[in-house]
Amino acid sequence: MSEPTLVILAAGMASRYGSMKQTQSFGPAGETIMDYSIYDAIQAGFTKVVFIIREDFAEKFKAIFEPKLKGKIETAYVYQQLTSFTSGYPFNPERSKPWGTAHAVLCTKNAVDGPFAVINADDFYGKDAYIKAYDFLKNRCNDRRFAVIGYQLENTLSEHGSVSRGVLSVNEQNEMTGIDERLKIYYKNDQIVFEENKEEYVLPEGTKVSMNFFCFSPAYLQLCDSEFKIFIQEYGQELKSEFLVPKIADLFIKSGQGVIDVIPTTSKWFGVTYKEDAPIVQESLNKLIADKMYPTNLWA
């Protein structure tokens, strides 16, 4: 079996953030959040990383990452384009938004030949997540068993606005039985609530959520390929419809094709949904460095 690969989703448009947060410096030596992800992945055992990016900023992106990663991990680049895997089907010519995360993963079809983990470029997941993901991919992943890293909801919230989270339903075997996208989650009166149809509902602390850290075999790519053909015919004329990783993972379960293990982690997630999150990310990284979890310069 091929060694596990790390796939990083870095082609998003960052509409709420307002700039290319994927390449923004947060660490003391100019490190991006991706640098910490790749560093943790290397420490866990990953030997290859595939970046999914937009072709129009490929030159700048490679100039940032190639010099520091050379000799440390194998790199590959995949471009997510609107025409990729559309099979010539005519879509709305006014559309500029990418087709979504599952389409981005589908674009790696010729770059990934074994088990792989998928993460977001602008999310910090913690060392524990990569260790557990690598162990799963190396020892338990197959075409009928995938996994998702399950975070505690309270460890994933932003102080600067509501967030969207994939709330996991989990059975007694620690397998995912469903995933529900909650679009407005926030703290209110010391409780975590979400809005739906203008009503508020409480979510208990400890609720497991997906932060888009999944572990798959190449069978997931085959499923994305067949499902995207259906998606493009049904939603290709829309400007903002999205073909998403969690939706295809949910389909994998509910169509009886296999199971998805929920691998729990108590790691603190942090990311940059809003510009106001940036100082908190820097503060969090500085604390981890002060606690000797990371060197001051990752790649020195």
C-alpha atoms as a PDB file:
ATOM      1  CA  MET A   1       0.000   0.000   0.000  1.00  0.00           C
ATOM      2  CA  SER A   2       1.213   3.516  -0.780  1.00  0.00           C
ATOM      3  CA  GLU A   3       2.267   5.767   2.062  1.00  0.00           C
ATOM      4  CA  PRO A   4      -0.452   8.164   3.327  1.00  0.00           C
ATOM      5  CA  THR A   5      -0.637  11.545   1.580  1.00  0.00           C
ATOM      6  CA  LEU A   6      -1.711  14.878   3.046  1.00  0.00           C
ATOM      7  CA  VAL A   7      -4.069  16.861   0.772  1.00  0.00           C
ATOM      8  CA  ILE A   8      -4.492  20.567   1.575  1.00  0.00           C
ATOM      9  CA  LEU A   9      -7.477  22.553   0.324  1.00  0.00           C
ATOM     10  CA  ALA A  10      -5.990  25.945  -0.556  1.00  0.00           C
ATOM     11  CA  ALA A  11      -8.063  27.093  -3.547  1.00  0.00           C
ATOM     12  CA  GLY A  12     -10.856  28.869  -1.670  1.00  0.00           C
ATOM     13  CA  MET A  13     -11.707  32.501  -2.380  1.00  0.00           C
ATOM     14  CA  ALA A  14     -11.822  33.632   1.293  1.00  0.00           C
ATOM     15  CA  SER A  15     -14.789  35.937   0.677  1.00  0.00           C
ATOM     16  CA  ARG A  16     -15.464  36.662   4.371  1.00  0.00           C
ATOM     17  CA  TYR A  17     -11.789  37.235   5.157  1.00  0.00           C
ATOM     18  CA  GLY A  18     -11.094  39.579   2.268  1.00  0.00           C
ATOM     19  CA  SER A  19      -7.587  38.441   1.305  1.00  0.00           C
ATOM     20  CA  MET A  20      -5.466  35.352   0.644  1.00  0.00           C
ATOM     21  CA  LYS A  21      -5.308  34.088   4.214  1.00  0.00           C
ATOM     22  CA  GLN A  22      -3.794  30.801   2.982  1.00  0.00           C
ATOM     23  CA  THR A  23      -0.405  32.504   2.554  1.00  0.00           C
ATOM     24  CA  GLN A  24      -0.605  35.045   5.391  1.00  0.00           C
ATOM     25  CA  SER A  25       2.238  34.935   7.929  1.00  0.00           C
ATOM     26  CA  PHE A  26       1.316  34.110  11.524  1.00  0.00           C
ATOM     27  CA  GLY A  27       4.419  32.494  13.047  1.00  0.00           C
ATOM     28  CA  PRO A  28       7.459  34.421  14.364  1.00  0.00           C
ATOM     29  CA  ALA A  29       9.582  33.438  11.356  1.00  0.00           C
ATOM     30  CA  GLY A  30       6.826  34.204   8.846  1.00  0.00           C
ATOM     31  CA  GLU A  31       5.149  30.789   8.985  1.00  0.00           C
ATOM     32  CA  THR A  32       1.649  30.320   7.601  1.00  0.00           C
ATOM     33  CA  ILE A  33      -0.880  28.069   9.292  1.00  0.00           C
ATOM     34  CA  MET A  34      -0.117  25.545   6.553  1.00  0.00           C
ATOM     35  CA  ASP A  35       3.507  25.438   7.666  1.00  0.00           C
ATOM     36  CA  TYR A  36       2.425  24.174  11.077  1.00  0.00           C
ATOM     37  CA  SER A  37       0.082  21.636   9.481  1.00  0.00           C
ATOM     38  CA  ILE A  38       2.829  20.284   7.246  1.00  0.00           C
ATOM     39  CA  TYR A  39       5.332  20.253  10.113  1.00  0.00           C
ATOM     40  CA  ASP A  40       2.902  18.229  12.272  1.00  0.00           C
ATOM     41  CA  ALA A  41       2.172  15.899   9.346  1.00  0.00           C
ATOM     42  CA  ILE A  42       5.888  15.214   8.767  1.00  0.00           C
ATOM     43  CA  GLN A  43       6.369  14.507  12.479  1.00  0.00           C
ATOM     44  CA  ALA A  44       3.439  12.051  12.319  1.00  0.00           C
ATOM     45  CA  GLY A  45       4.917  10.164   9.332  1.00  0.00           C
ATOM     46  CA  PHE A  46       3.444  11.734   6.181  1.00  0.00           C
ATOM     47  CA  THR A  47       5.927  11.842   3.301  1.00  0.00           C
ATOM     48  CA  LYS A  48       3.919  13.651   0.597  1.00  0.00           C
ATOM     49  CA  VAL A  49       1.708  16.738   0.478  1.00  0.00           C
ATOM     50  CA  VAL A  50      -0.609  17.691  -2.382  1.00  0.00           C
ATOM     51  CA  PHE A  51      -1.691  21.330  -2.537  1.00  0.00           C
ATOM     52  CA  ILE A  52      -4.979  22.137  -4.267  1.00  0.00           C
ATOM     53  CA  ILE A  53      -4.655  25.737  -5.441  1.00  0.00           C
ATOM     54  CA  ARG A  54      -5.864  28.136  -8.099  1.00  0.00           C
ATOM     55  CA  GLU A  55      -3.610  28.349 -11.107  1.00  0.00           C
ATOM     56  CA  ASP A  56      -3.600  32.147 -11.058  1.00  0.00           C
ATOM     57  CA  PHE A  57      -1.571  32.277  -7.842  1.00  0.00           C
ATOM     58  CA  ALA A  58       0.489  29.115  -8.365  1.00  0.00           C
ATOM     59  CA  GLU A  59       3.768  30.959  -9.000  1.00  0.00           C
ATOM     60  CA  LYS A  60       3.501  33.002  -5.801  1.00  0.00           C
ATOM     61  CA  PHE A  61       2.372  29.970  -3.808  1.00  0.00           C
ATOM     62  CA  LYS A  62       5.258  27.781  -4.950  1.00  0.00           C
ATOM     63  CA  ALA A  63       7.756  30.561  -4.289  1.00  0.00           C
ATOM     64  CA  ILE A  64       6.615  30.614  -0.660  1.00  0.00           C
ATOM     65  CA  PHE A  65       6.605  26.875   0.021  1.00  0.00           C
ATOM     66  CA  GLU A  66       9.103  25.151  -2.252  1.00  0.00           C
ATOM     67  CA  PRO A  67      12.318  26.596  -0.750  1.00  0.00           C
ATOM     68  CA  LYS A  68      11.451  25.644   2.828  1.00  0.00           C
ATOM     69  CA  LEU A  69       9.917  22.223   2.073  1.00  0.00           C
ATOM     70  CA  LYS A  70      12.605  20.989  -0.319  1.00  0.00           C
ATOM     71  CA  GLY A  71      14.159  17.799   1.010  1.00  0.00           C
ATOM     72  CA  LYS A  72      11.652  17.562   3.884  1.00  0.00           C
ATOM     73  CA  ILE A  73       8.518  16.249   2.140  1.00  0.00           C
ATOM     74  CA  GLU A  74       7.497  15.443  -1.431  1.00  0.00           C
ATOM     75  CA  THR A  75       5.242  18.142  -2.896  1.00  0.00           C
ATOM     76  CA  ALA A  76       2.694  18.121  -5.720  1.00  0.00           C
ATOM     77  CA  TYR A  77       0.278  20.752  -7.020  1.00  0.00           C
ATOM     78  CA  VAL A  78      -3.229  20.385  -8.412  1.00  0.00           C
ATOM     79  CA  TYR A  79      -5.275  23.214  -9.882  1.00  0.00           C
ATOM     80  CA  GLN A  80      -8.983  23.456  -9.164  1.00  0.00           C
ATOM     81  CA  GLN A  81     -10.607  24.878 -12.280  1.00  0.00           C
ATOM     82  CA  LEU A  82     -14.273  25.357 -13.099  1.00  0.00           C
ATOM     83  CA  THR A  83     -13.917  23.196 -16.199  1.00  0.00           C
ATOM     84  CA  SER A  84     -12.315  20.266 -14.342  1.00  0.00           C
ATOM     85  CA  PHE A  85     -14.375  17.049 -14.473  1.00  0.00           C
ATOM     86  CA  THR A  86     -17.421  18.785 -15.953  1.00  0.00           C
ATOM     87  CA  SER A  87     -17.379  16.319 -18.885  1.00  0.00           C
ATOM     88  CA  GLY A  88     -18.107  19.196 -21.268  1.00  0.00           C
ATOM     89  CA  TYR A  89     -21.437  19.949 -19.575  1.00  0.00           C
ATOM     90  CA  PRO A  90     -22.313  23.640 -20.087  1.00  0.00           C
ATOM     91  CA  PHE A  91     -22.425  25.541 -16.778  1.00  0.00           C
ATOM     92  CA  ASN A  92     -23.367  29.148 -16.049  1.00  0.00           C
ATOM     93  CA  PRO A  93     -20.745  31.337 -17.794  1.00  0.00           C
ATOM     94  CA  GLU A  94     -21.120  34.012 -15.089  1.00  0.00           C
ATOM     95  CA  ARG A  95     -19.969  31.668 -12.355  1.00  0.00           C
ATOM     96  CA  SER A  96     -16.590  32.404 -10.729  1.00  0.00           C
ATOM     97  CA  LYS A  97     -16.947  30.584  -7.392  1.00  0.00           C
ATOM     98  CA  PRO A  98     -15.164  27.173  -7.234  1.00  0.00           C
ATOM     99  CA  TRP A  99     -17.428  24.112  -7.203  1.00  0.00           C
ATOM    100  CA  GLY A 100     -16.604  23.266  -3.590  1.00  0.00           C
ATOM    101  CA  THR A 101     -14.343  21.101  -1.476  1.00  0.00           C
ATOM    102  CA  ALA A 102     -15.375  17.689  -2.852  1.00  0.00           C
ATOM    103  CA  HIS A 103     -14.707  18.952  -6.384  1.00  0.00           C
ATOM    104  CA  ALA A 104     -11.303  20.194  -5.185  1.00  0.00           C
ATOM    105  CA  VAL A 105     -10.516  16.743  -3.794  1.00  0.00           C
ATOM    106  CA  LEU A 106     -11.702  15.165  -7.046  1.00  0.00           C
ATOM    107  CA  CYS A 107      -9.082  17.265  -8.848  1.00  0.00           C
ATOM    108  CA  THR A 108      -6.367  15.224  -7.047  1.00  0.00           C
ATOM    109  CA  LYS A 109      -7.474  12.028  -8.790  1.00  0.00           C
ATOM    110  CA  ASN A 110      -4.252  11.750 -10.805  1.00  0.00           C
ATOM    111  CA  ALA A 111      -1.993  12.910  -7.960  1.00  0.00           C
ATOM    112  CA  VAL A 112      -3.153  10.564  -5.158  1.00  0.00           C
ATOM    113  CA  ASP A 113      -2.745   6.786  -5.449  1.00  0.00           C
ATOM    114  CA  GLY A 114      -3.231   5.622  -1.857  1.00  0.00           C
ATOM    115  CA  PRO A 115      -4.852   6.546   1.450  1.00  0.00           C
ATOM    116  CA  PHE A 116      -4.975  10.278   2.116  1.00  0.00           C
ATOM    117  CA  ALA A 117      -6.021  12.899   4.648  1.00  0.00           C
ATOM    118  CA  VAL A 118      -7.823  16.105   3.653  1.00  0.00           C
ATOM    119  CA  ILE A 119      -7.479  19.358   5.604  1.00  0.00           C
ATOM    120  CA  ASN A 120      -8.247  23.054   5.150  1.00  0.00           C
ATOM    121  CA  ALA A 121      -5.319  25.367   4.473  1.00  0.00           C
ATOM    122  CA  ASP A 122      -6.365  27.982   7.015  1.00  0.00           C
ATOM    123  CA  ASP A 123      -7.122  25.687   9.983  1.00  0.00           C
ATOM    124  CA  PHE A 124      -4.776  24.698  12.809  1.00  0.00           C
ATOM    125  CA  TYR A 125      -5.645  21.169  13.908  1.00  0.00           C
ATOM    126  CA  GLY A 126      -3.013  20.220  16.509  1.00  0.00           C
ATOM    127  CA  LYS A 127      -0.381  17.485  16.608  1.00  0.00           C
ATOM    128  CA  ASP A 128      -2.724  14.853  18.039  1.00  0.00           C
ATOM    129  CA  ALA A 129      -4.953  14.974  14.959  1.00  0.00           C
ATOM    130  CA  TYR A 130      -2.113  14.157  12.546  1.00  0.00           C
ATOM    131  CA  ILE A 131      -0.764  11.324  14.695  1.00  0.00           C
ATOM    132  CA  LYS A 132      -4.203   9.720  14.869  1.00  0.00           C
ATOM    133  CA  ALA A 133      -4.943  10.319  11.180  1.00  0.00           C
ATOM    134  CA  TYR A 134      -1.656   8.778  10.061  1.00  0.00           C
ATOM    135  CA  ASP A 135      -2.208   5.725  12.275  1.00  0.00           C
ATOM    136  CA  PHE A 136      -5.693   5.232  10.830  1.00  0.00           C
ATOM    137  CA  LEU A 137      -4.561   5.669   7.213  1.00  0.00           C
ATOM    138  CA  LYS A 138      -1.633   3.304   7.706  1.00  0.00           C
ATOM    139  CA  ASN A 139      -3.425   0.552   9.587  1.00  0.00           C
ATOM    140  CA  ARG A 140      -7.217   0.640   9.210  1.00  0.00           C
ATOM    141  CA  CYS A 141      -8.302   2.652   6.189  1.00  0.00           C
ATOM    142  CA  ASN A 142      -9.781   0.730   3.257  1.00  0.00           C
ATOM    143  CA  ASP A 143     -12.424   1.201   0.559  1.00  0.00           C
ATOM    144  CA  ARG A 144     -15.211   0.525   3.058  1.00  0.00           C
ATOM    145  CA  ARG A 145     -13.807   2.322   6.107  1.00  0.00           C
ATOM    146  CA  PHE A 146     -12.966   6.035   6.208  1.00  0.00           C
ATOM    147  CA  ALA A 147     -12.552   8.375   9.187  1.00  0.00           C
ATOM    148  CA  VAL A 148     -13.167  11.931  10.376  1.00  0.00           C
ATOM    149  CA  ILE A 149     -11.326  13.702  13.189  1.00  0.00           C
ATOM    150  CA  GLY A 150     -14.006  14.728  15.696  1.00  0.00           C
ATOM    151  CA  TYR A 151     -13.413  17.975  17.604  1.00  0.00           C
ATOM    152  CA  GLN A 152     -15.247  19.148  20.704  1.00  0.00           C
ATOM    153  CA  LEU A 153     -17.480  22.005  19.600  1.00  0.00           C
ATOM    154  CA  GLU A 154     -16.347  24.363  22.364  1.00  0.00           C
ATOM    155  CA  ASN A 155     -12.754  24.020  21.103  1.00  0.00           C
ATOM    156  CA  THR A 156     -13.656  25.379  17.659  1.00  0.00           C
ATOM    157  CA  LEU A 157     -15.625  28.594  18.163  1.00  0.00           C
ATOM    158  CA  SER A 158     -14.667  32.158  17.198  1.00  0.00           C
ATOM    159  CA  GLU A 159     -14.981  35.148  19.520  1.00  0.00           C
ATOM    160  CA  HIS A 160     -15.707  37.431  16.556  1.00  0.00           C
ATOM    161  CA  GLY A 161     -18.850  36.064  14.998  1.00  0.00           C
ATOM    162  CA  SER A 162     -20.988  33.027  14.342  1.00  0.00           C
ATOM    163  CA  VAL A 163     -19.479  29.988  12.630  1.00  0.00           C
ATOM    164  CA  SER A 164     -20.692  27.070  10.548  1.00  0.00           C
ATOM    165  CA  ARG A 165     -19.887  23.574  11.762  1.00  0.00           C
ATOM    166  CA  GLY A 166     -20.679  20.060  10.648  1.00  0.00           C
ATOM    167  CA  VAL A 167     -22.282  18.523  13.743  1.00  0.00           C
ATOM    168  CA  LEU A 168     -21.584  14.784  13.852  1.00  0.00           C
ATOM    169  CA  SER A 169     -24.047  12.104  14.875  1.00  0.00           C
ATOM    170  CA  VAL A 170     -22.109   9.198  16.404  1.00  0.00           C
ATOM    171  CA  ASN A 171     -23.195   5.667  17.335  1.00  0.00           C
ATOM    172  CA  GLU A 172     -21.919   3.400  20.136  1.00  0.00           C
ATOM    173  CA  GLN A 173     -19.176   2.069  17.853  1.00  0.00           C
ATOM    174  CA  ASN A 174     -17.812   5.619  17.406  1.00  0.00           C
ATOM    175  CA  GLU A 175     -18.965   5.622  13.793  1.00  0.00           C
ATOM    176  CA  MET A 176     -20.486   8.630  12.088  1.00  0.00           C
ATOM    177  CA  THR A 177     -24.165   8.121  11.334  1.00  0.00           C
ATOM    178  CA  GLY A 178     -24.789  11.581   9.899  1.00  0.00           C
ATOM    179  CA  ILE A 179     -23.502  15.117   9.637  1.00  0.00           C
ATOM    180  CA  ASP A 180     -25.708  18.208   9.912  1.00  0.00           C
ATOM    181  CA  GLU A 181     -24.437  21.585   8.776  1.00  0.00           C
ATOM    182  CA  ARG A 182     -25.312  24.234  11.371  1.00  0.00           C
ATOM    183  CA  LEU A 183     -24.811  27.652   9.807  1.00  0.00           C
ATOM    184  CA  LYS A 184     -24.922  30.040  12.783  1.00  0.00           C
ATOM    185  CA  ILE A 185     -23.291  28.765  15.982  1.00  0.00           C
ATOM    186  CA  TYR A 186     -22.216  31.136  18.752  1.00  0.00           C
ATOM    187  CA  TYR A 187     -22.060  31.674  22.504  1.00  0.00           C
ATOM    188  CA  LYS A 188     -25.055  33.268  24.214  1.00  0.00           C
ATOM    189  CA  ASN A 189     -25.496  33.535  27.989  1.00  0.00           C
ATOM    190  CA  ASP A 190     -22.713  30.977  28.600  1.00  0.00           C
ATOM    191  CA  GLN A 191     -24.377  28.453  26.300  1.00  0.00           C
ATOM    192  CA  ILE A 192     -23.580  27.351  22.765  1.00  0.00           C
ATOM    193  CA  VAL A 193     -26.551  27.888  20.472  1.00  0.00           C
ATOM    194  CA  PHE A 194     -27.318  27.654  16.780  1.00  0.00           C
ATOM    195  CA  GLU A 195     -29.985  29.396  14.736  1.00  0.00           C
ATOM    196  CA  GLU A 196     -32.398  27.664  12.404  1.00  0.00           C
ATOM    197  CA  ASN A 197     -35.547  29.246  10.942  1.00  0.00           C
ATOM    198  CA  LYS A 198     -35.082  32.210  13.314  1.00  0.00           C
ATOM    199  CA  GLU A 199     -35.205  29.903  16.345  1.00  0.00           C
ATOM    200  CA  GLU A 200     -32.303  29.209  18.734  1.00  0.00           C
ATOM    201  CA  TYR A 201     -31.334  25.715  19.881  1.00  0.00           C
ATOM    202  CA  VAL A 202     -28.735  24.732  22.477  1.00  0.00           C
ATOM    203  CA  LEU A 203     -25.806  22.498  21.583  1.00  0.00           C
ATOM    204  CA  PRO A 204     -24.156  20.834  24.612  1.00  0.00           C
ATOM    205  CA  GLU A 205     -20.424  21.136  25.251  1.00  0.00           C
ATOM    206  CA  GLY A 206     -18.619  18.034  24.067  1.00  0.00           C
ATOM    207  CA  THR A 207     -20.697  17.845  20.882  1.00  0.00           C
ATOM    208  CA  LYS A 208     -18.470  16.346  18.183  1.00  0.00           C
ATOM    209  CA  VAL A 209     -17.983  18.413  15.061  1.00  0.00           C
ATOM    210  CA  SER A 210     -16.092  17.981  11.828  1.00  0.00           C
ATOM    211  CA  MET A 211     -13.502  20.620  10.914  1.00  0.00           C
ATOM    212  CA  ASN A 212     -13.057  19.069   7.467  1.00  0.00           C
ATOM    213  CA  PHE A 213     -10.214  16.755   8.532  1.00  0.00           C
ATOM    214  CA  PHE A 214     -11.118  13.469   6.811  1.00  0.00           C
ATOM    215  CA  CYS A 215      -9.236  10.263   6.022  1.00  0.00           C
ATOM    216  CA  PHE A 216     -10.101   8.451   2.786  1.00  0.00           C
ATOM    217  CA  SER A 217      -9.007   5.737   0.409  1.00  0.00           C
ATOM    218  CA  PRO A 218      -9.015   6.387  -3.368  1.00  0.00           C
ATOM    219  CA  ALA A 219     -12.540   4.906  -3.435  1.00  0.00           C
ATOM    220  CA  TYR A 220     -13.713   8.304  -2.201  1.00  0.00           C
ATOM    221  CA  LEU A 221     -12.351   9.884  -5.384  1.00  0.00           C
ATOM    222  CA  GLN A 222     -14.327   7.422  -7.493  1.00  0.00           C
ATOM    223  CA  LEU A 223     -17.487   8.305  -5.565  1.00  0.00           C
ATOM    224  CA  CYS A 224     -16.824  12.033  -6.066  1.00  0.00           C
ATOM    225  CA  ASP A 225     -16.318  11.459  -9.777  1.00  0.00           C
ATOM    226  CA  SER A 226     -19.634   9.688 -10.274  1.00  0.00           C
ATOM    227  CA  GLU A 227     -21.573  12.079  -8.023  1.00  0.00           C
ATOM    228  CA  PHE A 228     -20.130  15.232  -9.583  1.00  0.00           C
ATOM    229  CA  LYS A 229     -21.523  14.183 -12.958  1.00  0.00           C
ATOM    230  CA  ILE A 230     -24.971  14.219 -11.359  1.00  0.00           C
ATOM    231  CA  PHE A 231     -24.291  17.457  -9.462  1.00  0.00           C
ATOM    232  CA  ILE A 232     -23.168  19.436 -12.511  1.00  0.00           C
ATOM    233  CA  GLN A 233     -26.321  18.523 -14.424  1.00  0.00           C
ATOM    234  CA  GLU A 234     -28.605  19.480 -11.522  1.00  0.00           C
ATOM    235  CA  TYR A 235     -26.834  22.570 -10.220  1.00  0.00           C
ATOM    236  CA  GLY A 236     -24.456  23.676 -12.972  1.00  0.00           C
ATOM    237  CA  GLN A 237     -26.485  26.773 -13.823  1.00  0.00           C
ATOM    238  CA  GLU A 238     -26.378  28.107 -10.262  1.00  0.00           C
ATOM    239  CA  LEU A 239     -23.762  30.674  -9.242  1.00  0.00           C
ATOM    240  CA  LYS A 240     -23.065  29.483  -5.708  1.00  0.00           C
ATOM    241  CA  SER A 241     -24.017  25.796  -5.465  1.00  0.00           C
ATOM    242  CA  GLU A 242     -21.269  23.700  -3.840  1.00  0.00           C
ATOM    243  CA  PHE A 243     -20.177  20.082  -4.056  1.00  0.00           C
ATOM    244  CA  LEU A 244     -18.846  19.455  -0.537  1.00  0.00           C
ATOM    245  CA  VAL A 245     -16.669  16.835   1.163  1.00  0.00           C
ATOM    246  CA  PRO A 246     -19.064  16.229   4.103  1.00  0.00           C
ATOM    247  CA  LYS A 247     -22.048  15.704   1.800  1.00  0.00           C
ATOM    248  CA  ILE A 248     -20.262  12.998  -0.174  1.00  0.00           C
ATOM    249  CA  ALA A 249     -18.999  11.423   3.059  1.00  0.00           C
ATOM    250  CA  ASP A 250     -22.593  11.359   4.334  1.00  0.00           C
ATOM    251  CA  LEU A 251     -23.713   9.768   1.068  1.00  0.00           C
ATOM    252  CA  PHE A 252     -20.995   7.098   1.456  1.00  0.00           C
ATOM    253  CA  ILE A 253     -22.576   6.060   4.755  1.00  0.00           C
ATOM    254  CA  LYS A 254     -26.236   6.368   3.881  1.00  0.00           C
ATOM    255  CA  SER A 255     -25.919   4.511   0.581  1.00  0.00           C
ATOM    256  CA  GLY A 256     -24.446   1.564   2.474  1.00  0.00           C
ATOM    257  CA  GLN A 257     -21.034   1.744   0.836  1.00  0.00           C
ATOM    258  CA  GLY A 258     -19.138   1.731   4.135  1.00  0.00           C
ATOM    259  CA  VAL A 259     -18.560   3.314   7.544  1.00  0.00           C
ATOM    260  CA  ILE A 260     -16.736   6.398   8.777  1.00  0.00           C
ATOM    261  CA  ASP A 261     -14.983   6.176  12.137  1.00  0.00           C
ATOM    262  CA  VAL A 262     -15.075   9.268  14.348  1.00  0.00           C
ATOM    263  CA  ILE A 263     -11.589   9.702  15.819  1.00  0.00           C
ATOM    264  CA  PRO A 264     -11.899  11.999  18.850  1.00  0.00           C
ATOM    265  CA  THR A 265      -9.357  14.669  19.709  1.00  0.00           C
ATOM    266  CA  THR A 266      -9.256  17.169  22.556  1.00  0.00           C
ATOM    267  CA  SER A 267      -6.918  19.424  20.553  1.00  0.00           C
ATOM    268  CA  LYS A 268      -7.802  23.097  20.406  1.00  0.00           C
ATOM    269  CA  TRP A 269      -8.673  24.073  16.841  1.00  0.00           C
ATOM    270  CA  PHE A 270      -8.165  27.607  15.673  1.00  0.00           C
ATOM    271  CA  GLY A 271      -8.450  29.332  12.327  1.00  0.00           C
ATOM    272  CA  VAL A 272      -9.020  32.622  10.563  1.00  0.00           C
ATOM    273  CA  THR A 273     -12.639  32.893   9.512  1.00  0.00           C
ATOM    274  CA  TYR A 274     -12.582  36.628  10.243  1.00  0.00           C
ATOM    275  CA  LYS A 275      -9.750  39.188  10.130  1.00  0.00           C
ATOM    276  CA  GLU A 276     -10.292  39.749  13.845  1.00  0.00           C
ATOM    277  CA  ASP A 277      -9.244  36.122  14.420  1.00  0.00           C
ATOM    278  CA  ALA A 278      -5.680  36.810  13.203  1.00  0.00           C
ATOM    279  CA  PRO A 279      -4.281  38.191  16.508  1.00  0.00           C
ATOM    280  CA  ILE A 280      -5.771  35.216  18.381  1.00  0.00           C
ATOM    281  CA  VAL A 281      -4.062  32.809  15.961  1.00  0.00           C
ATOM    282  CA  GLN A 282      -0.741  34.558  16.506  1.00  0.00           C
ATOM    283  CA  GLU A 283      -1.218  34.550  20.269  1.00  0.00           C
ATOM    284  CA  SER A 284      -2.110  30.844  20.250  1.00  0.00           C
ATOM    285  CA  LEU A 285       0.952  29.961  18.179  1.00  0.00           C
ATOM    286  CA  ASN A 286       3.218  32.064  20.410  1.00  0.00           C
ATOM    287  CA  LYS A 287       1.927  30.196  23.464  1.00  0.00           C
ATOM    288  CA  LEU A 288       2.606  26.815  21.820  1.00  0.00           C
ATOM    289  CA  ILE A 289       6.123  27.964  20.974  1.00  0.00           C
ATOM    290  CA  ALA A 290       6.657  29.201  24.532  1.00  0.00           C
ATOM    291  CA  ASP A 291       5.499  25.774  25.763  1.00  0.00           C
ATOM    292  CA  LYS A 292       8.168  24.165  23.514  1.00  0.00           C
ATOM    293  CA  MET A 293       5.575  22.485  21.295  1.00  0.00           C
ATOM    294  CA  TYR A 294       7.203  24.089  18.225  1.00  0.00           C
ATOM    295  CA  PRO A 295      10.581  25.668  17.508  1.00  0.00           C
ATOM    296  CA  THR A 296      10.745  29.440  17.010  1.00  0.00           C
ATOM    297  CA  ASN A 297      11.641  28.831  13.359  1.00  0.00           C
ATOM    298  CA  LEU A 298       9.937  25.701  12.002  1.00  0.00           C
ATOM    299  CA  TRP A 299      12.251  25.104   9.063  1.00  0.00           C
ATOM    300  CA  ALA A 300      15.581  26.402  10.364  1.00  0.00           C
END
